[in-house]
Amino acid sequence: MLDFLSKPFNQVPQQPFADPPDLLTQILLGLRLDGVEYGRCVLYPPWAIAFPAQRSARFHFVGHGGAWLRTQGTEWQRLNQGDAVLLPHGSFHVLASSPEVPPVDIDSLARKAVSENIYLVDGRDANNAHLGAPVAPPPPQAPDVVFSGALRFNLDPLHPLMAMMPAVMMADDLAQRDTTVPVLLDAMEREVEQDRMGACAILARLADALAASIIRAWVECSCNNPTGWIAAVRCPRVGKVIAAIHADPERDWNVPLLADLMGASRSSFSESFTRTMGESPARYVAKVKMSQARSWIARDGMRVAVAANRLGYESEASFSRAYKRIVGHPPSRAASF
């Protein structure tokens, strides 16, 4: 597991408030991610693999050869040797040696376990796996080698930072912003080329670090020309309120209290907050509370009644209604994210 900094975003000290440029840093203190599983795929053209939508993020690194990438509603993008891509929302996508090849599902390909969360895929018949054809001997052309993985974020999907992330984040687009990115890409390429003992395990750890670096570089790029939530966080007045809400989601935040924190009248505060954030203060507070509740229930095994009480709800029933309204299902169905 990799930590940008040491504490989760909901444990940032409420006081004293920092200057606006530091508020985003405070809220991002606990952005963490770790690899769920990784696979080294040796693929002989023609091949095409479909990756179904999933909760976890997807990561791909081209170690040898190249590949084409397409997500729903977009054009094909070329990935060359040494390129990496992160799909933070785990969206459906296809990797292929050529756009014309019909894809097969990644789960239809045979895999060999290397360790608990690392596997090898021999995709010599990747374009015929759906037909049940026997594995053919490797053709004379060199294979494409793609290192793929699933990553889990510690941030709830309700967190505005997750909502802001684009469907596809290309490492080469962000390499100039973070000198760590090309260094990690070079290290991963060397591991693939040398194919030494333990290479998959080392690649997995490098991929975790690279994915974290891609996100950090994206945040830094966004902050140079901030819009939406990041712009709101950077606003001296609204950012102070947002930081306080995230710092203490258990508090009974209401308009008078938040307006006092901003140093504005209730009507002026509500208008400014809604205009900047695109939603009312009450809605935003409820989303932060439900994000915290889902973390407690799904990750820590907290009982629903305990979560309701900690977040200040008068009853488990009223909390469950609020949770379902925000999340879309009752808290009893909270699942790990």
C-alpha atoms as a PDB file:
ATOM      1  CA  MET A   1       0.000   0.000   0.000  1.00  0.00           C
ATOM      2  CA  LEU A   2       1.184   3.475  -0.845  1.00  0.00           C
ATOM      3  CA  ASP A   3       0.435   6.609   1.140  1.00  0.00           C
ATOM      4  CA  PHE A   4       0.676  10.113  -0.267  1.00  0.00           C
ATOM      5  CA  LEU A   5       0.732  11.263   3.329  1.00  0.00           C
ATOM      6  CA  SER A   6      -0.064   9.688   6.654  1.00  0.00           C
ATOM      7  CA  LYS A   7      -3.701  10.394   7.635  1.00  0.00           C
ATOM      8  CA  PRO A   8      -7.043   9.822   5.925  1.00  0.00           C
ATOM      9  CA  PHE A   9      -8.798  12.907   4.641  1.00  0.00           C
ATOM     10  CA  ASN A  10     -11.399  12.788   7.392  1.00  0.00           C
ATOM     11  CA  GLN A  11      -8.788  13.028  10.132  1.00  0.00           C
ATOM     12  CA  VAL A  12      -7.292  16.366   9.157  1.00  0.00           C
ATOM     13  CA  PRO A  13      -7.191  18.681  12.200  1.00  0.00           C
ATOM     14  CA  GLN A  14     -10.071  21.126  12.031  1.00  0.00           C
ATOM     15  CA  GLN A  15      -8.115  24.044  13.501  1.00  0.00           C
ATOM     16  CA  PRO A  16      -6.171  26.022  12.710  1.00  0.00           C
ATOM     17  CA  PHE A  17      -7.121  26.411   9.037  1.00  0.00           C
ATOM     18  CA  ALA A  18      -4.256  26.758   6.606  1.00  0.00           C
ATOM     19  CA  ASP A  19      -3.910  29.270   3.816  1.00  0.00           C
ATOM     20  CA  PRO A  20      -5.962  28.341   0.727  1.00  0.00           C
ATOM     21  CA  PRO A  21      -3.141  26.660  -1.258  1.00  0.00           C
ATOM     22  CA  ASP A  22      -2.693  24.177   1.616  1.00  0.00           C
ATOM     23  CA  LEU A  23      -6.342  23.213   1.985  1.00  0.00           C
ATOM     24  CA  LEU A  24      -6.258  20.830  -0.967  1.00  0.00           C
ATOM     25  CA  THR A  25      -3.147  19.218   0.477  1.00  0.00           C
ATOM     26  CA  GLN A  26      -4.949  18.701   3.773  1.00  0.00           C
ATOM     27  CA  ILE A  27      -7.919  17.016   2.129  1.00  0.00           C
ATOM     28  CA  LEU A  28      -5.596  14.812   0.010  1.00  0.00           C
ATOM     29  CA  LEU A  29      -3.476  13.760   2.982  1.00  0.00           C
ATOM     30  CA  GLY A  30      -4.766  10.207   3.047  1.00  0.00           C
ATOM     31  CA  LEU A  31      -5.102   9.370  -0.652  1.00  0.00           C
ATOM     32  CA  ARG A  32      -3.953   5.765  -0.720  1.00  0.00           C
ATOM     33  CA  LEU A  33      -4.091   2.922  -3.212  1.00  0.00           C
ATOM     34  CA  ASP A  34      -2.812  -0.613  -3.363  1.00  0.00           C
ATOM     35  CA  GLY A  35      -2.721  -3.345  -5.943  1.00  0.00           C
ATOM     36  CA  VAL A  36      -5.492  -5.918  -5.773  1.00  0.00           C
ATOM     37  CA  GLU A  37      -3.953  -8.168  -8.420  1.00  0.00           C
ATOM     38  CA  TYR A  38      -1.528  -7.945 -11.309  1.00  0.00           C
ATOM     39  CA  GLY A  39      -0.946 -10.030 -14.388  1.00  0.00           C
ATOM     40  CA  ARG A  40       1.814 -10.283 -16.982  1.00  0.00           C
ATOM     41  CA  CYS A  41       0.149 -11.004 -20.330  1.00  0.00           C
ATOM     42  CA  VAL A  42       2.152 -12.405 -23.249  1.00  0.00           C
ATOM     43  CA  LEU A  43      -0.022 -11.814 -26.315  1.00  0.00           C
ATOM     44  CA  TYR A  44       0.648 -12.949 -29.876  1.00  0.00           C
ATOM     45  CA  PRO A  45      -0.973 -10.890 -32.672  1.00  0.00           C
ATOM     46  CA  PRO A  46      -3.706 -10.788 -33.669  1.00  0.00           C
ATOM     47  CA  TRP A  47      -5.235 -10.394 -30.200  1.00  0.00           C
ATOM     48  CA  ALA A  48      -7.860  -8.275 -28.456  1.00  0.00           C
ATOM     49  CA  ILE A  49      -8.985  -8.371 -24.826  1.00  0.00           C
ATOM     50  CA  ALA A  50     -12.070  -6.777 -23.272  1.00  0.00           C
ATOM     51  CA  PHE A  51     -11.859  -5.648 -19.647  1.00  0.00           C
ATOM     52  CA  PRO A  52     -15.330  -5.420 -18.061  1.00  0.00           C
ATOM     53  CA  ALA A  53     -16.305  -2.526 -15.824  1.00  0.00           C
ATOM     54  CA  GLN A  54     -15.358  -3.029 -12.176  1.00  0.00           C
ATOM     55  CA  ARG A  55     -15.162  -1.146  -8.886  1.00  0.00           C
ATOM     56  CA  SER A  56     -11.361  -1.163  -8.796  1.00  0.00           C
ATOM     57  CA  ALA A  57      -9.230   0.993 -11.063  1.00  0.00           C
ATOM     58  CA  ARG A  58      -7.394  -0.627 -13.978  1.00  0.00           C
ATOM     59  CA  PHE A  59      -3.742  -0.137 -14.860  1.00  0.00           C
ATOM     60  CA  HIS A  60      -1.824  -1.195 -17.986  1.00  0.00           C
ATOM     61  CA  PHE A  61       1.855  -0.962 -18.870  1.00  0.00           C
ATOM     62  CA  VAL A  62       3.228  -1.991 -22.287  1.00  0.00           C
ATOM     63  CA  GLY A  63       6.509  -3.780 -21.705  1.00  0.00           C
ATOM     64  CA  HIS A  64       7.127  -5.017 -25.268  1.00  0.00           C
ATOM     65  CA  GLY A  65       5.539  -4.219 -28.604  1.00  0.00           C
ATOM     66  CA  GLY A  66       2.425  -2.078 -28.470  1.00  0.00           C
ATOM     67  CA  ALA A  67      -1.339  -2.034 -28.143  1.00  0.00           C
ATOM     68  CA  TRP A  68      -4.451  -0.052 -28.997  1.00  0.00           C
ATOM     69  CA  LEU A  69      -6.823   1.157 -26.286  1.00  0.00           C
ATOM     70  CA  ARG A  70     -10.496   2.068 -26.624  1.00  0.00           C
ATOM     71  CA  THR A  71     -13.040   2.994 -23.988  1.00  0.00           C
ATOM     72  CA  GLN A  72     -16.775   3.326 -24.622  1.00  0.00           C
ATOM     73  CA  GLY A  73     -17.605   6.354 -26.732  1.00  0.00           C
ATOM     74  CA  THR A  74     -13.989   7.192 -27.611  1.00  0.00           C
ATOM     75  CA  GLU A  75     -11.596   6.650 -30.487  1.00  0.00           C
ATOM     76  CA  TRP A  76      -8.743   4.147 -30.416  1.00  0.00           C
ATOM     77  CA  GLN A  77      -5.537   5.365 -28.752  1.00  0.00           C
ATOM     78  CA  ARG A  78      -2.115   3.934 -29.501  1.00  0.00           C
ATOM     79  CA  LEU A  79       0.054   2.654 -26.643  1.00  0.00           C
ATOM     80  CA  ASN A  80       3.707   2.110 -27.470  1.00  0.00           C
ATOM     81  CA  GLN A  81       6.383   0.220 -25.598  1.00  0.00           C
ATOM     82  CA  GLY A  82       6.997   1.916 -22.251  1.00  0.00           C
ATOM     83  CA  ASP A  83       3.574   3.595 -22.122  1.00  0.00           C
ATOM     84  CA  ALA A  84       1.261   3.256 -19.139  1.00  0.00           C
ATOM     85  CA  VAL A  85      -2.395   4.130 -18.629  1.00  0.00           C
ATOM     86  CA  LEU A  86      -4.598   4.338 -15.548  1.00  0.00           C
ATOM     87  CA  LEU A  87      -8.395   4.003 -15.698  1.00  0.00           C
ATOM     88  CA  PRO A  88      -9.370   5.238 -12.218  1.00  0.00           C
ATOM     89  CA  HIS A  89     -13.069   4.342 -12.494  1.00  0.00           C
ATOM     90  CA  GLY A  90     -12.482   0.815 -13.799  1.00  0.00           C
ATOM     91  CA  SER A  91     -14.465   1.601 -16.945  1.00  0.00           C
ATOM     92  CA  PHE A  92     -15.075  -0.990 -19.645  1.00  0.00           C
ATOM     93  CA  HIS A  93     -12.311  -0.921 -22.246  1.00  0.00           C
ATOM     94  CA  VAL A  94     -10.536  -2.993 -24.883  1.00  0.00           C
ATOM     95  CA  LEU A  95      -6.841  -3.549 -25.525  1.00  0.00           C
ATOM     96  CA  ALA A  96      -5.924  -4.949 -28.939  1.00  0.00           C
ATOM     97  CA  SER A  97      -3.037  -5.527 -31.296  1.00  0.00           C
ATOM     98  CA  SER A  98      -5.217  -3.940 -33.974  1.00  0.00           C
ATOM     99  CA  PRO A  99      -8.603  -2.191 -33.826  1.00  0.00           C
ATOM    100  CA  GLU A 100     -10.076  -4.711 -36.277  1.00  0.00           C
ATOM    101  CA  VAL A 101      -9.602  -7.767 -34.027  1.00  0.00           C
ATOM    102  CA  PRO A 102     -12.774  -8.966 -32.203  1.00  0.00           C
ATOM    103  CA  PRO A 103     -12.136  -8.975 -28.435  1.00  0.00           C
ATOM    104  CA  VAL A 104     -12.486 -11.783 -25.912  1.00  0.00           C
ATOM    105  CA  ASP A 105     -13.094 -11.276 -22.197  1.00  0.00           C
ATOM    106  CA  ILE A 106      -9.982 -11.201 -20.019  1.00  0.00           C
ATOM    107  CA  ASP A 107     -11.528 -13.811 -17.725  1.00  0.00           C
ATOM    108  CA  SER A 108     -11.786 -16.286 -20.614  1.00  0.00           C
ATOM    109  CA  LEU A 109      -8.001 -16.545 -20.873  1.00  0.00           C
ATOM    110  CA  ALA A 110      -6.132 -19.162 -18.904  1.00  0.00           C
ATOM    111  CA  ARG A 111      -3.973 -17.756 -16.135  1.00  0.00           C
ATOM    112  CA  LYS A 112      -1.223 -19.258 -13.997  1.00  0.00           C
ATOM    113  CA  ALA A 113      -0.873 -18.067 -10.424  1.00  0.00           C
ATOM    114  CA  VAL A 114       2.564 -16.793  -9.455  1.00  0.00           C
ATOM    115  CA  SER A 115       1.621 -15.695  -5.946  1.00  0.00           C
ATOM    116  CA  GLU A 116      -1.510 -14.717  -4.058  1.00  0.00           C
ATOM    117  CA  ASN A 117      -2.248 -11.680  -6.226  1.00  0.00           C
ATOM    118  CA  ILE A 118       0.031 -12.054  -9.264  1.00  0.00           C
ATOM    119  CA  TYR A 119      -0.655 -14.194 -12.318  1.00  0.00           C
ATOM    120  CA  LEU A 120       0.678 -14.956 -15.806  1.00  0.00           C
ATOM    121  CA  VAL A 121      -1.440 -15.077 -18.970  1.00  0.00           C
ATOM    122  CA  ASP A 122      -0.372 -16.852 -22.151  1.00  0.00           C
ATOM    123  CA  GLY A 123      -2.646 -15.328 -24.779  1.00  0.00           C
ATOM    124  CA  ARG A 124      -1.505 -17.221 -27.842  1.00  0.00           C
ATOM    125  CA  ASP A 125      -5.104 -17.853 -28.782  1.00  0.00           C
ATOM    126  CA  ALA A 126      -6.596 -14.665 -27.337  1.00  0.00           C
ATOM    127  CA  ASN A 127      -8.513 -13.975 -30.543  1.00  0.00           C
ATOM    128  CA  ASN A 128     -10.014 -17.494 -30.588  1.00  0.00           C
ATOM    129  CA  ALA A 129     -10.604 -18.183 -26.889  1.00  0.00           C
ATOM    130  CA  HIS A 130     -14.361 -17.631 -27.244  1.00  0.00           C
ATOM    131  CA  LEU A 131     -14.481 -20.481 -29.792  1.00  0.00           C
ATOM    132  CA  GLY A 132     -12.903 -23.007 -27.437  1.00  0.00           C
ATOM    133  CA  ALA A 133     -10.082 -23.629 -29.890  1.00  0.00           C
ATOM    134  CA  PRO A 134      -6.934 -25.414 -28.663  1.00  0.00           C
ATOM    135  CA  VAL A 135      -3.903 -23.307 -27.918  1.00  0.00           C
ATOM    136  CA  ALA A 136      -1.843 -22.992 -31.074  1.00  0.00           C
ATOM    137  CA  PRO A 137       1.956 -22.864 -31.080  1.00  0.00           C
ATOM    138  CA  PRO A 138       3.338 -19.334 -30.977  1.00  0.00           C
ATOM    139  CA  PRO A 139       3.497 -17.660 -34.392  1.00  0.00           C
ATOM    140  CA  PRO A 140       6.879 -16.421 -35.609  1.00  0.00           C
ATOM    141  CA  GLN A 141       6.255 -12.728 -34.792  1.00  0.00           C
ATOM    142  CA  ALA A 142       7.334 -11.419 -31.413  1.00  0.00           C
ATOM    143  CA  PRO A 143       4.590 -11.160 -28.781  1.00  0.00           C
ATOM    144  CA  ASP A 144       3.274  -8.022 -27.145  1.00  0.00           C
ATOM    145  CA  VAL A 145       3.837  -8.012 -23.389  1.00  0.00           C
ATOM    146  CA  VAL A 146       1.330  -6.069 -21.296  1.00  0.00           C
ATOM    147  CA  PHE A 147       1.470  -5.810 -17.525  1.00  0.00           C
ATOM    148  CA  SER A 148      -2.064  -5.209 -16.213  1.00  0.00           C
ATOM    149  CA  GLY A 149      -3.526  -4.776 -12.786  1.00  0.00           C
ATOM    150  CA  ALA A 150      -6.427  -3.779 -10.599  1.00  0.00           C
ATOM    151  CA  LEU A 151      -5.981  -1.044  -7.992  1.00  0.00           C
ATOM    152  CA  ARG A 152      -8.138  -0.088  -5.040  1.00  0.00           C
ATOM    153  CA  PHE A 153      -8.458   3.494  -3.770  1.00  0.00           C
ATOM    154  CA  ASN A 154      -9.130   4.254  -0.130  1.00  0.00           C
ATOM    155  CA  LEU A 155     -11.393   7.122  -1.228  1.00  0.00           C
ATOM    156  CA  ASP A 156     -15.103   6.400  -1.424  1.00  0.00           C
ATOM    157  CA  PRO A 157     -16.633   6.863  -4.904  1.00  0.00           C
ATOM    158  CA  LEU A 158     -18.727   9.678  -3.396  1.00  0.00           C
ATOM    159  CA  HIS A 159     -15.580  11.702  -2.746  1.00  0.00           C
ATOM    160  CA  PRO A 160     -15.497  14.644  -5.182  1.00  0.00           C
ATOM    161  CA  LEU A 161     -11.871  13.965  -6.096  1.00  0.00           C
ATOM    162  CA  MET A 162     -12.865  10.554  -7.479  1.00  0.00           C
ATOM    163  CA  ALA A 163     -15.742  12.069  -9.422  1.00  0.00           C
ATOM    164  CA  MET A 164     -13.379  14.598 -11.028  1.00  0.00           C
ATOM    165  CA  MET A 165     -10.852  12.057 -12.294  1.00  0.00           C
ATOM    166  CA  PRO A 166     -11.084  11.448 -16.057  1.00  0.00           C
ATOM    167  CA  ALA A 167     -11.902   8.013 -17.442  1.00  0.00           C
ATOM    168  CA  VAL A 168      -8.364   7.598 -18.829  1.00  0.00           C
ATOM    169  CA  MET A 169      -5.110   9.004 -17.444  1.00  0.00           C
ATOM    170  CA  MET A 170      -2.077   8.560 -19.702  1.00  0.00           C
ATOM    171  CA  ALA A 171       1.315   8.544 -17.986  1.00  0.00           C
ATOM    172  CA  ASP A 172       3.084  10.268 -20.873  1.00  0.00           C
ATOM    173  CA  ASP A 173       0.626  13.183 -20.670  1.00  0.00           C
ATOM    174  CA  LEU A 174       1.719  13.806 -17.079  1.00  0.00           C
ATOM    175  CA  ALA A 175       5.400  12.846 -17.204  1.00  0.00           C
ATOM    176  CA  GLN A 176       6.563  16.431 -17.642  1.00  0.00           C
ATOM    177  CA  ARG A 177       4.770  17.419 -14.433  1.00  0.00           C
ATOM    178  CA  ASP A 178       6.345  14.736 -12.267  1.00  0.00           C
ATOM    179  CA  THR A 179       9.893  13.540 -12.871  1.00  0.00           C
ATOM    180  CA  THR A 180       9.043  10.375 -10.916  1.00  0.00           C
ATOM    181  CA  VAL A 181       6.803   9.132 -13.740  1.00  0.00           C
ATOM    182  CA  PRO A 182       9.474   8.551 -16.438  1.00  0.00           C
ATOM    183  CA  VAL A 183      11.854   7.052 -13.861  1.00  0.00           C
ATOM    184  CA  LEU A 184       9.252   4.483 -12.824  1.00  0.00           C
ATOM    185  CA  LEU A 185       8.365   3.764 -16.456  1.00  0.00           C
ATOM    186  CA  ASP A 186      12.030   3.093 -17.234  1.00  0.00           C
ATOM    187  CA  ALA A 187      12.345   0.814 -14.196  1.00  0.00           C
ATOM    188  CA  MET A 188       9.280  -1.192 -15.232  1.00  0.00           C
ATOM    189  CA  GLU A 189      10.534  -1.537 -18.790  1.00  0.00           C
ATOM    190  CA  ARG A 190      13.869  -2.872 -17.552  1.00  0.00           C
ATOM    191  CA  GLU A 191      12.115  -5.427 -15.349  1.00  0.00           C
ATOM    192  CA  VAL A 192      10.119  -6.692 -18.322  1.00  0.00           C
ATOM    193  CA  GLU A 193      13.172  -6.833 -20.582  1.00  0.00           C
ATOM    194  CA  GLN A 194      15.383  -8.668 -18.100  1.00  0.00           C
ATOM    195  CA  ASP A 195      12.633 -11.105 -17.034  1.00  0.00           C
ATOM    196  CA  ARG A 196      14.511 -11.983 -13.866  1.00  0.00           C
ATOM    197  CA  MET A 197      13.310 -14.012 -10.922  1.00  0.00           C
ATOM    198  CA  GLY A 198      10.656 -12.113  -8.979  1.00  0.00           C
ATOM    199  CA  ALA A 199      10.088  -9.620 -11.803  1.00  0.00           C
ATOM    200  CA  CYS A 200       6.285  -9.784 -11.498  1.00  0.00           C
ATOM    201  CA  ALA A 201       6.374  -8.945  -7.794  1.00  0.00           C
ATOM    202  CA  ILE A 202       8.711  -6.007  -8.381  1.00  0.00           C
ATOM    203  CA  LEU A 203       6.579  -4.822 -11.295  1.00  0.00           C
ATOM    204  CA  ALA A 204       3.511  -4.872  -9.053  1.00  0.00           C
ATOM    205  CA  ARG A 205       5.139  -2.609  -6.465  1.00  0.00           C
ATOM    206  CA  LEU A 206       6.441  -0.275  -9.175  1.00  0.00           C
ATOM    207  CA  ALA A 207       2.948  -0.131 -10.686  1.00  0.00           C
ATOM    208  CA  ASP A 208       1.463   0.916  -7.336  1.00  0.00           C
ATOM    209  CA  ALA A 209       4.020   3.735  -7.120  1.00  0.00           C
ATOM    210  CA  LEU A 210       3.471   4.761 -10.740  1.00  0.00           C
ATOM    211  CA  ALA A 211      -0.305   4.918 -10.364  1.00  0.00           C
ATOM    212  CA  ALA A 212       0.085   7.119  -7.288  1.00  0.00           C
ATOM    213  CA  SER A 213       2.501   9.373  -9.183  1.00  0.00           C
ATOM    214  CA  ILE A 214       0.079   9.661 -12.125  1.00  0.00           C
ATOM    215  CA  ILE A 215      -2.689  10.820  -9.778  1.00  0.00           C
ATOM    216  CA  ARG A 216      -0.398  13.271  -8.002  1.00  0.00           C
ATOM    217  CA  ALA A 217       0.736  14.750 -11.310  1.00  0.00           C
ATOM    218  CA  TRP A 218      -2.890  15.049 -12.437  1.00  0.00           C
ATOM    219  CA  VAL A 219      -3.836  16.860  -9.231  1.00  0.00           C
ATOM    220  CA  GLU A 220      -0.924  19.263  -9.691  1.00  0.00           C
ATOM    221  CA  CYS A 221      -1.933  19.914 -13.300  1.00  0.00           C
ATOM    222  CA  SER A 222      -5.524  20.529 -12.276  1.00  0.00           C
ATOM    223  CA  CYS A 223      -4.428  22.925  -9.589  1.00  0.00           C
ATOM    224  CA  ASN A 224      -2.651  25.159 -12.091  1.00  0.00           C
ATOM    225  CA  ASN A 225      -5.986  25.892 -13.757  1.00  0.00           C
ATOM    226  CA  PRO A 226      -8.492  24.761 -11.145  1.00  0.00           C
ATOM    227  CA  THR A 227     -12.172  24.278 -11.805  1.00  0.00           C
ATOM    228  CA  GLY A 228     -15.052  22.705  -9.922  1.00  0.00           C
ATOM    229  CA  TRP A 229     -14.271  21.125  -6.575  1.00  0.00           C
ATOM    230  CA  ILE A 230     -10.558  21.931  -6.653  1.00  0.00           C
ATOM    231  CA  ALA A 231     -11.356  25.561  -7.391  1.00  0.00           C
ATOM    232  CA  ALA A 232     -13.793  25.564  -4.476  1.00  0.00           C
ATOM    233  CA  VAL A 233     -11.209  24.082  -2.145  1.00  0.00           C
ATOM    234  CA  ARG A 234      -8.756  26.783  -3.202  1.00  0.00           C
ATOM    235  CA  CYS A 235     -11.300  29.539  -2.541  1.00  0.00           C
ATOM    236  CA  PRO A 236     -10.320  31.216   0.765  1.00  0.00           C
ATOM    237  CA  ARG A 237     -13.899  31.344   2.055  1.00  0.00           C
ATOM    238  CA  VAL A 238     -15.578  28.226   0.642  1.00  0.00           C
ATOM    239  CA  GLY A 239     -12.399  26.165   0.967  1.00  0.00           C
ATOM    240  CA  LYS A 240     -12.314  26.857   4.691  1.00  0.00           C
ATOM    241  CA  VAL A 241     -15.832  25.436   5.029  1.00  0.00           C
ATOM    242  CA  ILE A 242     -15.096  22.355   2.899  1.00  0.00           C
ATOM    243  CA  ALA A 243     -11.961  21.578   4.876  1.00  0.00           C
ATOM    244  CA  ALA A 244     -13.884  21.792   8.139  1.00  0.00           C
ATOM    245  CA  ILE A 245     -16.627  19.440   6.899  1.00  0.00           C
ATOM    246  CA  HIS A 246     -14.104  16.824   5.787  1.00  0.00           C
ATOM    247  CA  ALA A 247     -12.077  17.233   8.960  1.00  0.00           C
ATOM    248  CA  ASP A 248     -15.027  16.392  11.203  1.00  0.00           C
ATOM    249  CA  PRO A 249     -17.872  14.580   9.373  1.00  0.00           C
ATOM    250  CA  GLU A 250     -19.378  13.510  12.697  1.00  0.00           C
ATOM    251  CA  ARG A 251     -20.180  17.085  13.647  1.00  0.00           C
ATOM    252  CA  ASP A 252     -23.747  18.372  13.322  1.00  0.00           C
ATOM    253  CA  TRP A 253     -22.990  20.831  10.527  1.00  0.00           C
ATOM    254  CA  ASN A 254     -25.822  23.228   9.690  1.00  0.00           C
ATOM    255  CA  VAL A 255     -26.135  26.440   7.704  1.00  0.00           C
ATOM    256  CA  PRO A 256     -25.797  28.829  10.679  1.00  0.00           C
ATOM    257  CA  LEU A 257     -22.647  27.079  11.889  1.00  0.00           C
ATOM    258  CA  LEU A 258     -21.068  26.961   8.438  1.00  0.00           C
ATOM    259  CA  ALA A 259     -22.055  30.552   7.698  1.00  0.00           C
ATOM    260  CA  ASP A 260     -20.330  31.668  10.896  1.00  0.00           C
ATOM    261  CA  LEU A 261     -17.241  29.738   9.848  1.00  0.00           C
ATOM    262  CA  MET A 262     -17.203  31.553   6.515  1.00  0.00           C
ATOM    263  CA  GLY A 263     -17.964  34.877   8.206  1.00  0.00           C
ATOM    264  CA  ALA A 264     -21.063  35.534   6.126  1.00  0.00           C
ATOM    265  CA  SER A 265     -24.803  35.775   6.554  1.00  0.00           C
ATOM    266  CA  ARG A 266     -26.800  32.584   6.162  1.00  0.00           C
ATOM    267  CA  SER A 267     -28.311  33.626   2.850  1.00  0.00           C
ATOM    268  CA  SER A 268     -25.003  34.884   1.485  1.00  0.00           C
ATOM    269  CA  PHE A 269     -23.235  31.699   2.573  1.00  0.00           C
ATOM    270  CA  SER A 270     -25.861  29.375   1.065  1.00  0.00           C
ATOM    271  CA  GLU A 271     -25.822  31.274  -2.223  1.00  0.00           C
ATOM    272  CA  SER A 272     -22.008  31.357  -2.435  1.00  0.00           C
ATOM    273  CA  PHE A 273     -21.594  27.680  -1.504  1.00  0.00           C
ATOM    274  CA  THR A 274     -24.263  26.455  -3.913  1.00  0.00           C
ATOM    275  CA  ARG A 275     -22.933  28.593  -6.766  1.00  0.00           C
ATOM    276  CA  THR A 276     -19.367  27.364  -6.231  1.00  0.00           C
ATOM    277  CA  MET A 277     -20.053  23.691  -5.489  1.00  0.00           C
ATOM    278  CA  GLY A 278     -23.119  23.127  -7.651  1.00  0.00           C
ATOM    279  CA  GLU A 279     -25.089  21.703  -4.719  1.00  0.00           C
ATOM    280  CA  SER A 280     -26.482  22.892  -1.406  1.00  0.00           C
ATOM    281  CA  PRO A 281     -24.472  22.808   1.836  1.00  0.00           C
ATOM    282  CA  ALA A 282     -26.890  20.249   3.290  1.00  0.00           C
ATOM    283  CA  ARG A 283     -26.436  17.926   0.303  1.00  0.00           C
ATOM    284  CA  TYR A 284     -22.661  18.190   0.442  1.00  0.00           C
ATOM    285  CA  VAL A 285     -22.566  17.534   4.196  1.00  0.00           C
ATOM    286  CA  ALA A 286     -24.829  14.496   3.722  1.00  0.00           C
ATOM    287  CA  LYS A 287     -22.539  13.073   1.020  1.00  0.00           C
ATOM    288  CA  VAL A 288     -19.474  13.458   3.227  1.00  0.00           C
ATOM    289  CA  LYS A 289     -21.285  11.774   6.113  1.00  0.00           C
ATOM    290  CA  MET A 290     -22.446   8.866   3.952  1.00  0.00           C
ATOM    291  CA  SER A 291     -18.974   8.451   2.504  1.00  0.00           C
ATOM    292  CA  GLN A 292     -17.647   8.133   6.041  1.00  0.00           C
ATOM    293  CA  ALA A 293     -20.463   5.768   6.991  1.00  0.00           C
ATOM    294  CA  ARG A 294     -19.793   3.477   4.039  1.00  0.00           C
ATOM    295  CA  SER A 295     -16.128   3.319   5.011  1.00  0.00           C
ATOM    296  CA  TRP A 296     -16.995   2.399   8.593  1.00  0.00           C
ATOM    297  CA  ILE A 297     -19.537  -0.245   7.609  1.00  0.00           C
ATOM    298  CA  ALA A 298     -17.728  -1.817   4.631  1.00  0.00           C
ATOM    299  CA  ARG A 299     -14.149  -1.665   5.844  1.00  0.00           C
ATOM    300  CA  ASP A 300     -14.363  -1.658   9.609  1.00  0.00           C
ATOM    301  CA  GLY A 301     -17.420  -3.843  10.033  1.00  0.00           C
ATOM    302  CA  MET A 302     -19.211  -1.207  12.102  1.00  0.00           C
ATOM    303  CA  ARG A 303     -22.867  -1.866  12.831  1.00  0.00           C
ATOM    304  CA  VAL A 304     -25.323   0.437  11.078  1.00  0.00           C
ATOM    305  CA  ALA A 305     -26.794   1.603  14.385  1.00  0.00           C
ATOM    306  CA  VAL A 306     -23.372   2.626  15.652  1.00  0.00           C
ATOM    307  CA  ALA A 307     -22.589   4.553  12.452  1.00  0.00           C
ATOM    308  CA  ALA A 308     -25.950   6.313  12.660  1.00  0.00           C
ATOM    309  CA  ASN A 309     -25.308   7.349  16.240  1.00  0.00           C
ATOM    310  CA  ARG A 310     -21.772   8.593  15.552  1.00  0.00           C
ATOM    311  CA  LEU A 311     -22.999  10.734  12.676  1.00  0.00           C
ATOM    312  CA  GLY A 312     -25.691  12.342  14.806  1.00  0.00           C
ATOM    313  CA  TYR A 313     -28.838  10.718  13.430  1.00  0.00           C
ATOM    314  CA  GLU A 314     -31.745  10.346  15.843  1.00  0.00           C
ATOM    315  CA  SER A 315     -32.471   6.788  14.760  1.00  0.00           C
ATOM    316  CA  GLU A 316     -31.119   3.999  12.607  1.00  0.00           C
ATOM    317  CA  ALA A 317     -34.192   4.325  10.401  1.00  0.00           C
ATOM    318  CA  SER A 318     -33.633   8.013   9.644  1.00  0.00           C
ATOM    319  CA  PHE A 319     -29.964   7.321   8.910  1.00  0.00           C
ATOM    320  CA  SER A 320     -30.850   4.409   6.605  1.00  0.00           C
ATOM    321  CA  ARG A 321     -33.268   6.598   4.664  1.00  0.00           C
ATOM    322  CA  ALA A 322     -30.615   9.294   4.231  1.00  0.00           C
ATOM    323  CA  TYR A 323     -27.998   6.719   3.255  1.00  0.00           C
ATOM    324  CA  LYS A 324     -30.234   5.171   0.603  1.00  0.00           C
ATOM    325  CA  ARG A 325     -31.142   8.590  -0.773  1.00  0.00           C
ATOM    326  CA  ILE A 326     -27.461   9.524  -1.220  1.00  0.00           C
ATOM    327  CA  VAL A 327     -25.820   6.177  -2.059  1.00  0.00           C
ATOM    328  CA  GLY A 328     -28.682   4.448  -3.848  1.00  0.00           C
ATOM    329  CA  HIS A 329     -29.029   1.381  -1.637  1.00  0.00           C
ATOM    330  CA  PRO A 330     -29.506   0.690   2.082  1.00  0.00           C
ATOM    331  CA  PRO A 331     -26.452   0.620   4.385  1.00  0.00           C
ATOM    332  CA  SER A 332     -26.930  -3.109   4.946  1.00  0.00           C
ATOM    333  CA  ARG A 333     -25.680  -3.572   1.377  1.00  0.00           C
ATOM    334  CA  ALA A 334     -22.541  -1.499   1.846  1.00  0.00           C
ATOM    335  CA  ALA A 335     -19.720  -3.198  -0.025  1.00  0.00           C
ATOM    336  CA  SER A 336     -16.011  -2.630  -0.076  1.00  0.00           C
ATOM    337  CA  PHE A 337     -14.938  -0.029  -2.622  1.00  0.00           C
END
